[in-house]
Amino acid sequence: MKYREMFLILLTLLIAILASVKVYLVFDYKRDFVYLSEMQQSIDLLKNENSKLRIEYVLLSNSLSLDQGVKEGASNEKD
């Protein structure tokens, strides 16, 4: 009877340890997933900001080239 009780206690202890490891791994995976999700959101935000900056740059460069063309045309008309 004594061996049987020891075996059951060791088996219960082993199951408890395995359950603890599983819980730790699940929470660690979830923490990593949340971190990676936040990083992906930051990357997407930066991509959106980069796209907006590119559009603004193109618009500014086009407006500057139009302004230069208008200024050159105005100076040619004065001559």
Protein backbone atom coordinates (compact mmCIF):
# COMPACT_ATOMS: atom_id res chain seq x y z
CA MET A 1 0.00 0.00 0.00
CA LYS A 2 2.88 2.33 0.77
CA TYR A 3 4.33 2.01 -2.77
CA ARG A 4 0.94 2.65 -4.27
CA GLU A 5 0.50 5.86 -2.24
CA MET A 6 3.97 7.06 -3.16
CA PHE A 7 3.30 6.31 -6.82
CA LEU A 8 0.03 8.28 -6.74
CA ILE A 9 1.70 11.21 -4.96
CA LEU A 10 4.54 11.28 -7.51
CA LEU A 11 2.08 10.97 -10.40
CA THR A 12 -0.01 13.83 -9.00
CA LEU A 13 3.12 15.93 -8.53
CA LEU A 14 4.24 15.19 -12.09
CA ILE A 15 0.84 16.14 -13.48
CA ALA A 16 0.87 19.37 -11.46
CA ILE A 17 4.35 20.25 -12.77
CA LEU A 18 3.32 19.52 -16.37
CA ALA A 19 0.17 21.60 -15.96
CA SER A 20 2.23 24.49 -14.58
CA VAL A 21 4.64 24.30 -17.50
CA LYS A 22 1.74 24.25 -19.96
CA VAL A 23 0.14 27.31 -18.33
CA TYR A 24 3.47 29.13 -18.39
CA LEU A 25 3.99 28.33 -22.08
CA VAL A 26 0.47 29.42 -23.01
CA PHE A 27 0.82 32.75 -21.19
CA ASP A 28 4.30 33.28 -22.63
CA TYR A 29 2.96 32.62 -26.13
CA LYS A 30 0.07 35.00 -25.52
CA ARG A 31 2.44 37.70 -24.23
CA ASP A 32 4.66 37.30 -27.30
CA PHE A 33 1.62 37.36 -29.59
CA VAL A 34 0.36 40.60 -28.02
CA TYR A 35 3.82 42.15 -28.32
CA LEU A 36 4.12 41.15 -31.97
CA SER A 37 0.62 42.45 -32.64
CA GLU A 38 1.55 45.82 -31.14
CA MET A 39 4.73 45.88 -33.23
CA GLN A 40 2.73 45.12 -36.38
CA GLN A 41 0.34 47.96 -35.58
CA SER A 42 3.30 50.30 -35.14
CA ILE A 43 4.75 49.16 -38.46
CA ASP A 44 1.41 49.66 -40.20
CA LEU A 45 1.12 53.14 -38.68
CA LEU A 46 4.63 54.00 -39.91
CA LYS A 47 3.81 52.68 -43.38
CA ASN A 48 0.69 54.86 -43.44
CA GLU A 49 2.68 57.86 -42.27
CA ASN A 50 5.37 57.14 -44.88
CA SER A 51 2.71 56.94 -47.60
CA LYS A 52 1.19 60.22 -46.44
CA LEU A 53 4.61 61.87 -46.46
CA ARG A 54 5.30 60.59 -49.98
CA ILE A 55 1.99 61.98 -51.20
CA GLU A 56 2.66 65.32 -49.52
CA TYR A 57 6.14 65.40 -51.06
CA VAL A 58 4.78 64.71 -54.53
CA LEU A 59 2.10 67.37 -54.10
CA LEU A 60 4.65 69.89 -52.85
CA SER A 61 7.10 69.14 -55.62
CA ASN A 62 4.33 69.43 -58.21
CA SER A 63 3.09 72.70 -56.73
CA LEU A 64 6.65 74.05 -56.61
CA SER A 65 7.22 73.13 -60.24
CA LEU A 66 3.91 74.76 -61.15
CA ASP A 67 4.86 77.88 -59.18
CA GLN A 68 8.22 78.03 -60.94
CA GLY A 69 6.50 77.66 -64.30
CA VAL A 70 4.06 80.43 -63.44
CA LYS A 71 6.85 82.69 -62.20
CA GLU A 72 8.91 82.05 -65.33
CA GLY A 73 5.86 82.74 -67.49
CA ALA A 74 5.16 85.97 -65.61
CA SER A 75 8.78 87.13 -65.99
CA ASN A 76 8.68 86.30 -69.74
CA GLU A 77 5.50 88.33 -70.15
CA LYS A 78 7.15 91.36 -68.53
CA ASP A 79 10.08 91.21 -70.98
